[in-house]
Amino acid sequence: MNLEQIGSSVLSNLQMLIDSTGLPLAVGAISDNDYQWLSSQFVELNWDFAFAQFGNLILPTISGHATK
């Protein structure tokens, strides 16, 4: 597999995991414009809170022990 194929496989697997949790999110490649917009518009968000509150939703579900 080359790097592009690995990236595609990772995105597909991540989307499958997100879909299995029922979260209304989509994953995909980020363009340079996306990166510039995200890095300028969301710099002030409380990322520590977001990851602590929502970042671990996928892993408990994968192991079969949903926490909610």
Protein backbone atom coordinates (compact mmCIF):
# COMPACT_ATOMS: atom_id res chain seq x y z
CA MET A 1 0.00 0.00 0.00
CA ASN A 2 1.18 3.50 -0.71
CA LEU A 3 0.62 6.51 1.54
CA GLU A 4 -2.51 7.65 -0.31
CA GLN A 5 -4.11 4.20 0.04
CA ILE A 6 -3.26 4.08 3.74
CA GLY A 7 -4.85 7.50 4.24
CA SER A 8 -7.98 6.41 2.42
CA SER A 9 -8.20 3.24 4.49
CA VAL A 10 -7.81 5.16 7.75
CA LEU A 11 -10.54 7.64 6.77
CA SER A 12 -12.89 4.81 5.79
CA ASN A 13 -12.32 2.96 9.05
CA LEU A 14 -12.72 6.12 11.09
CA GLN A 15 -16.01 6.88 9.33
CA MET A 16 -17.22 3.36 10.07
CA LEU A 17 -16.42 3.82 13.77
CA ILE A 18 -18.14 7.20 13.91
CA ASP A 19 -21.19 5.80 12.11
CA SER A 20 -21.39 2.94 14.61
CA THR A 21 -21.66 5.43 17.48
CA GLY A 22 -24.50 7.29 15.79
CA LEU A 23 -22.66 10.61 15.73
CA PRO A 24 -23.73 12.83 12.82
CA LEU A 25 -20.15 13.46 11.65
CA ALA A 26 -18.34 12.86 8.39
CA VAL A 27 -14.61 12.47 7.83
CA GLY A 28 -12.58 13.32 4.80
CA ALA A 29 -9.38 14.85 3.57
CA ILE A 30 -8.61 18.40 4.68
CA SER A 31 -7.53 20.83 1.99
CA ASP A 32 -5.16 23.74 2.54
CA ASN A 33 -8.15 26.10 2.57
CA ASP A 34 -9.90 23.93 5.17
CA TYR A 35 -6.80 23.98 7.35
CA GLN A 36 -6.45 27.76 7.11
CA TRP A 37 -10.11 28.30 7.96
CA LEU A 38 -10.11 25.82 10.85
CA SER A 39 -6.86 27.12 12.31
CA SER A 40 -8.03 30.74 12.18
CA GLN A 41 -11.69 30.30 13.20
CA PHE A 42 -11.44 27.71 15.96
CA VAL A 43 -8.21 28.63 17.72
CA GLU A 44 -10.09 30.10 20.67
CA LEU A 45 -12.25 27.03 21.36
CA ASN A 46 -11.75 25.16 24.61
CA TRP A 47 -10.21 22.06 23.02
CA ASP A 48 -9.27 20.47 26.36
CA PHE A 49 -12.93 20.48 27.41
CA ALA A 50 -14.10 19.20 24.01
CA PHE A 51 -11.69 16.27 23.98
CA ALA A 52 -12.34 15.44 27.63
CA GLN A 53 -16.12 15.59 27.16
CA PHE A 54 -16.53 14.12 23.67
CA GLY A 55 -13.17 12.71 22.57
CA ASN A 56 -13.62 9.25 24.05
CA LEU A 57 -17.05 8.41 22.66
CA ILE A 58 -15.74 5.94 20.09
CA LEU A 59 -13.39 3.78 22.17
CA PRO A 60 -15.86 2.60 24.85
CA THR A 61 -18.32 1.65 22.13
CA ILE A 62 -15.72 -0.38 20.22
CA SER A 63 -14.91 -2.49 23.25
CA GLY A 64 -18.62 -3.16 23.75
CA HIS A 65 -18.89 -1.23 26.98
CA ALA A 66 -20.75 1.95 26.14
CA THR A 67 -20.53 4.46 28.95
CA LYS A 68 -23.81 6.26 28.24
